[in-house]
Amino acid sequence: MSRVAKIVASVAAALAAAVGVSACGSQGIAVAKSSPYYQGAVIFLDHCSGCHTLSVVGAEGSATSVQNRLRTNAPNFNARAESVQNVLFALANGGFSGQVMPENIVVGAQAQAVAKFLAHYAGREAPKTPTLPQAPS
């Protein structure tokens, strides 16, 4: 193989590897662009997916096991439901007690969009636990 052919082959292999690595773990946003939650999904993916997991946006930032968990691994929103109020509190205050999360990572309308998005989609894959029926009042 000539020197030029080797260089071309090496560059092609490097480009293929770069494309493959950039696609790892990015399943994409499974929220319709016409959805009122789409903007929140985009903001969550851009600002929160490094530490949180939520399959609807292809985010895989949470630890999957206690043994390999880091301080920066945050809640898995596939299994943890959230309210708008709790999300807004966490965004403004850097999470809850003892967590490593930047304060005000998103603010204003962006924070509202993320909070509404998470309140709608978080916890959808949580295991259903049986409960006793409430006694009538």
C-alpha atoms as a PDB file:
ATOM      1  CA  MET A   1       0.000   0.000   0.000  1.00  0.00           C
ATOM      2  CA  SER A   2       1.403   3.409  -0.925  1.00  0.00           C
ATOM      3  CA  ARG A   3       2.036   6.138   1.639  1.00  0.00           C
ATOM      4  CA  VAL A   4      -0.892   8.253   0.351  1.00  0.00           C
ATOM      5  CA  ALA A   5      -3.250   5.277   0.466  1.00  0.00           C
ATOM      6  CA  LYS A   6      -2.189   4.569   4.069  1.00  0.00           C
ATOM      7  CA  ILE A   7      -2.865   8.180   5.045  1.00  0.00           C
ATOM      8  CA  VAL A   8      -6.256   8.170   3.345  1.00  0.00           C
ATOM      9  CA  ALA A   9      -7.149   4.870   5.036  1.00  0.00           C
ATOM     10  CA  SER A  10      -6.034   6.209   8.437  1.00  0.00           C
ATOM     11  CA  VAL A  11      -8.051   9.415   8.042  1.00  0.00           C
ATOM     12  CA  ALA A  12     -11.129   7.444   6.938  1.00  0.00           C
ATOM     13  CA  ALA A  13     -10.800   5.133   9.950  1.00  0.00           C
ATOM     14  CA  ALA A  14     -10.397   8.095  12.306  1.00  0.00           C
ATOM     15  CA  LEU A  15     -13.480   9.797  10.867  1.00  0.00           C
ATOM     16  CA  ALA A  16     -15.524   6.605  11.181  1.00  0.00           C
ATOM     17  CA  ALA A  17     -14.427   6.232  14.800  1.00  0.00           C
ATOM     18  CA  ALA A  18     -15.294   9.859  15.574  1.00  0.00           C
ATOM     19  CA  VAL A  19     -18.762   9.461  14.088  1.00  0.00           C
ATOM     20  CA  GLY A  20     -19.287   6.246  16.050  1.00  0.00           C
ATOM     21  CA  VAL A  21     -18.186   7.782  19.353  1.00  0.00           C
ATOM     22  CA  SER A  22     -20.306  10.895  18.878  1.00  0.00           C
ATOM     23  CA  ALA A  23     -23.388   8.712  18.389  1.00  0.00           C
ATOM     24  CA  CYS A  24     -22.848   6.627  21.545  1.00  0.00           C
ATOM     25  CA  GLY A  25     -25.521   7.192  24.160  1.00  0.00           C
ATOM     26  CA  SER A  26     -27.411   9.776  22.150  1.00  0.00           C
ATOM     27  CA  GLN A  27     -30.729   8.227  21.299  1.00  0.00           C
ATOM     28  CA  GLY A  28     -32.230  11.612  20.590  1.00  0.00           C
ATOM     29  CA  ILE A  29     -35.340  13.359  21.776  1.00  0.00           C
ATOM     30  CA  ALA A  30     -38.505  11.271  21.515  1.00  0.00           C
ATOM     31  CA  VAL A  31     -40.786  14.256  22.145  1.00  0.00           C
ATOM     32  CA  ALA A  32     -42.582  15.678  19.124  1.00  0.00           C
ATOM     33  CA  LYS A  33     -41.350  19.100  18.038  1.00  0.00           C
ATOM     34  CA  SER A  34     -44.960  20.270  18.183  1.00  0.00           C
ATOM     35  CA  SER A  35     -45.274  19.210  21.854  1.00  0.00           C
ATOM     36  CA  PRO A  36     -45.472  21.918  24.523  1.00  0.00           C
ATOM     37  CA  TYR A  37     -42.724  19.930  26.329  1.00  0.00           C
ATOM     38  CA  TYR A  38     -40.247  19.856  23.431  1.00  0.00           C
ATOM     39  CA  GLN A  39     -38.308  22.996  24.420  1.00  0.00           C
ATOM     40  CA  GLY A  40     -37.947  21.655  27.969  1.00  0.00           C
ATOM     41  CA  ALA A  41     -36.645  18.380  26.530  1.00  0.00           C
ATOM     42  CA  VAL A  42     -34.008  20.219  24.478  1.00  0.00           C
ATOM     43  CA  ILE A  43     -32.900  22.293  27.471  1.00  0.00           C
ATOM     44  CA  PHE A  44     -32.802  19.189  29.700  1.00  0.00           C
ATOM     45  CA  LEU A  45     -30.697  17.340  27.130  1.00  0.00           C
ATOM     46  CA  ASP A  46     -28.283  20.276  26.805  1.00  0.00           C
ATOM     47  CA  HIS A  47     -27.923  21.135  30.504  1.00  0.00           C
ATOM     48  CA  CYS A  48     -28.929  18.128  32.609  1.00  0.00           C
ATOM     49  CA  SER A  49     -28.234  14.896  30.715  1.00  0.00           C
ATOM     50  CA  GLY A  50     -24.607  14.651  31.810  1.00  0.00           C
ATOM     51  CA  CYS A  51     -25.726  13.801  35.339  1.00  0.00           C
ATOM     52  CA  HIS A  52     -29.348  12.623  35.006  1.00  0.00           C
ATOM     53  CA  THR A  53     -30.967   9.727  33.173  1.00  0.00           C
ATOM     54  CA  LEU A  54     -34.217  10.066  31.244  1.00  0.00           C
ATOM     55  CA  SER A  55     -34.866   7.792  28.288  1.00  0.00           C
ATOM     56  CA  VAL A  56     -37.316  10.118  26.497  1.00  0.00           C
ATOM     57  CA  VAL A  57     -34.330  12.342  25.633  1.00  0.00           C
ATOM     58  CA  GLY A  58     -31.692   9.590  25.463  1.00  0.00           C
ATOM     59  CA  ALA A  59     -29.948  10.830  28.627  1.00  0.00           C
ATOM     60  CA  GLU A  60     -27.886   8.270  30.541  1.00  0.00           C
ATOM     61  CA  GLY A  61     -26.085  10.287  33.215  1.00  0.00           C
ATOM     62  CA  SER A  62     -27.106   8.467  36.410  1.00  0.00           C
ATOM     63  CA  ALA A  63     -25.173   5.619  37.969  1.00  0.00           C
ATOM     64  CA  THR A  64     -26.640   2.185  37.329  1.00  0.00           C
ATOM     65  CA  SER A  65     -25.195   0.661  40.475  1.00  0.00           C
ATOM     66  CA  VAL A  66     -24.342   1.893  43.959  1.00  0.00           C
ATOM     67  CA  GLN A  67     -20.847   0.389  43.650  1.00  0.00           C
ATOM     68  CA  ASN A  68     -19.862   2.608  40.690  1.00  0.00           C
ATOM     69  CA  ARG A  69     -21.771   5.743  41.726  1.00  0.00           C
ATOM     70  CA  LEU A  70     -19.976   9.089  41.795  1.00  0.00           C
ATOM     71  CA  ARG A  71     -21.002  12.202  43.713  1.00  0.00           C
ATOM     72  CA  THR A  72     -21.967  13.790  40.422  1.00  0.00           C
ATOM     73  CA  ASN A  73     -24.377  10.992  39.453  1.00  0.00           C
ATOM     74  CA  ALA A  74     -27.822  12.440  39.941  1.00  0.00           C
ATOM     75  CA  PRO A  75     -31.320  10.959  40.153  1.00  0.00           C
ATOM     76  CA  ASN A  76     -32.623   8.703  37.426  1.00  0.00           C
ATOM     77  CA  PHE A  77     -35.789  10.398  36.218  1.00  0.00           C
ATOM     78  CA  ASN A  78     -37.021   7.245  34.514  1.00  0.00           C
ATOM     79  CA  ALA A  79     -37.783   5.923  37.990  1.00  0.00           C
ATOM     80  CA  ARG A  80     -38.288   9.141  39.957  1.00  0.00           C
ATOM     81  CA  ALA A  81     -41.311  11.335  39.408  1.00  0.00           C
ATOM     82  CA  GLU A  82     -41.040  15.060  40.075  1.00  0.00           C
ATOM     83  CA  SER A  83     -43.346  18.019  40.482  1.00  0.00           C
ATOM     84  CA  VAL A  84     -42.885  21.394  38.834  1.00  0.00           C
ATOM     85  CA  GLN A  85     -42.320  22.975  42.254  1.00  0.00           C
ATOM     86  CA  ASN A  86     -39.581  20.484  43.254  1.00  0.00           C
ATOM     87  CA  VAL A  87     -37.758  20.869  39.929  1.00  0.00           C
ATOM     88  CA  LEU A  88     -37.808  24.665  40.198  1.00  0.00           C
ATOM     89  CA  PHE A  89     -36.459  24.440  43.763  1.00  0.00           C
ATOM     90  CA  ALA A  90     -33.641  22.096  42.696  1.00  0.00           C
ATOM     91  CA  LEU A  91     -32.717  24.280  39.714  1.00  0.00           C
ATOM     92  CA  ALA A  92     -32.570  27.443  41.822  1.00  0.00           C
ATOM     93  CA  ASN A  93     -30.793  25.905  44.812  1.00  0.00           C
ATOM     94  CA  GLY A  94     -28.393  23.407  43.292  1.00  0.00           C
ATOM     95  CA  GLY A  95     -30.429  20.294  43.973  1.00  0.00           C
ATOM     96  CA  PHE A  96     -31.410  19.128  47.399  1.00  0.00           C
ATOM     97  CA  SER A  97     -29.356  18.574  50.541  1.00  0.00           C
ATOM     98  CA  GLY A  98     -25.842  17.286  49.860  1.00  0.00           C
ATOM     99  CA  GLN A  99     -26.056  17.042  46.083  1.00  0.00           C
ATOM    100  CA  VAL A 100     -23.521  18.454  43.669  1.00  0.00           C
ATOM    101  CA  MET A 101     -25.543  20.489  41.185  1.00  0.00           C
ATOM    102  CA  PRO A 102     -24.882  24.015  39.966  1.00  0.00           C
ATOM    103  CA  GLU A 103     -27.312  26.606  41.278  1.00  0.00           C
ATOM    104  CA  ASN A 104     -29.348  28.365  38.608  1.00  0.00           C
ATOM    105  CA  ILE A 105     -28.123  26.032  35.858  1.00  0.00           C
ATOM    106  CA  VAL A 106     -31.194  27.249  33.981  1.00  0.00           C
ATOM    107  CA  VAL A 107     -33.386  30.166  35.043  1.00  0.00           C
ATOM    108  CA  GLY A 108     -36.554  31.997  34.058  1.00  0.00           C
ATOM    109  CA  ALA A 109     -38.521  30.630  31.121  1.00  0.00           C
ATOM    110  CA  GLN A 110     -35.943  27.873  30.563  1.00  0.00           C
ATOM    111  CA  ALA A 111     -36.333  26.671  34.157  1.00  0.00           C
ATOM    112  CA  GLN A 112     -40.129  26.689  33.757  1.00  0.00           C
ATOM    113  CA  ALA A 113     -39.844  24.672  30.521  1.00  0.00           C
ATOM    114  CA  VAL A 114     -37.575  22.058  32.138  1.00  0.00           C
ATOM    115  CA  ALA A 115     -39.803  21.838  35.221  1.00  0.00           C
ATOM    116  CA  LYS A 116     -42.958  21.274  33.166  1.00  0.00           C
ATOM    117  CA  PHE A 117     -41.171  18.758  30.941  1.00  0.00           C
ATOM    118  CA  LEU A 118     -39.863  16.753  33.920  1.00  0.00           C
ATOM    119  CA  ALA A 119     -43.174  16.879  35.779  1.00  0.00           C
ATOM    120  CA  HIS A 120     -44.804  15.383  32.683  1.00  0.00           C
ATOM    121  CA  TYR A 121     -42.204  12.715  31.750  1.00  0.00           C
ATOM    122  CA  ALA A 122     -40.267  11.814  34.919  1.00  0.00           C
ATOM    123  CA  GLY A 123     -41.187   8.612  36.721  1.00  0.00           C
ATOM    124  CA  ARG A 124     -42.889   6.907  33.794  1.00  0.00           C
ATOM    125  CA  GLU A 125     -40.691   3.822  34.124  1.00  0.00           C
ATOM    126  CA  ALA A 126     -40.948   3.606  37.915  1.00  0.00           C
ATOM    127  CA  PRO A 127     -41.996   0.196  39.181  1.00  0.00           C
ATOM    128  CA  LYS A 128     -45.641   0.149  40.195  1.00  0.00           C
ATOM    129  CA  THR A 129     -45.998  -0.743  43.850  1.00  0.00           C
ATOM    130  CA  PRO A 130     -49.269  -2.111  45.124  1.00  0.00           C
ATOM    131  CA  THR A 131     -51.088   0.068  47.628  1.00  0.00           C
ATOM    132  CA  LEU A 132     -54.046  -0.449  49.882  1.00  0.00           C
ATOM    133  CA  PRO A 133     -57.249   1.323  48.874  1.00  0.00           C
ATOM    134  CA  GLN A 134     -58.074   4.428  50.884  1.00  0.00           C
ATOM    135  CA  ALA A 135     -60.955   4.098  53.327  1.00  0.00           C
ATOM    136  CA  PRO A 136     -63.866   6.416  52.477  1.00  0.00           C
ATOM    137  CA  SER A 137     -64.006   9.561  54.619  1.00  0.00           C
END
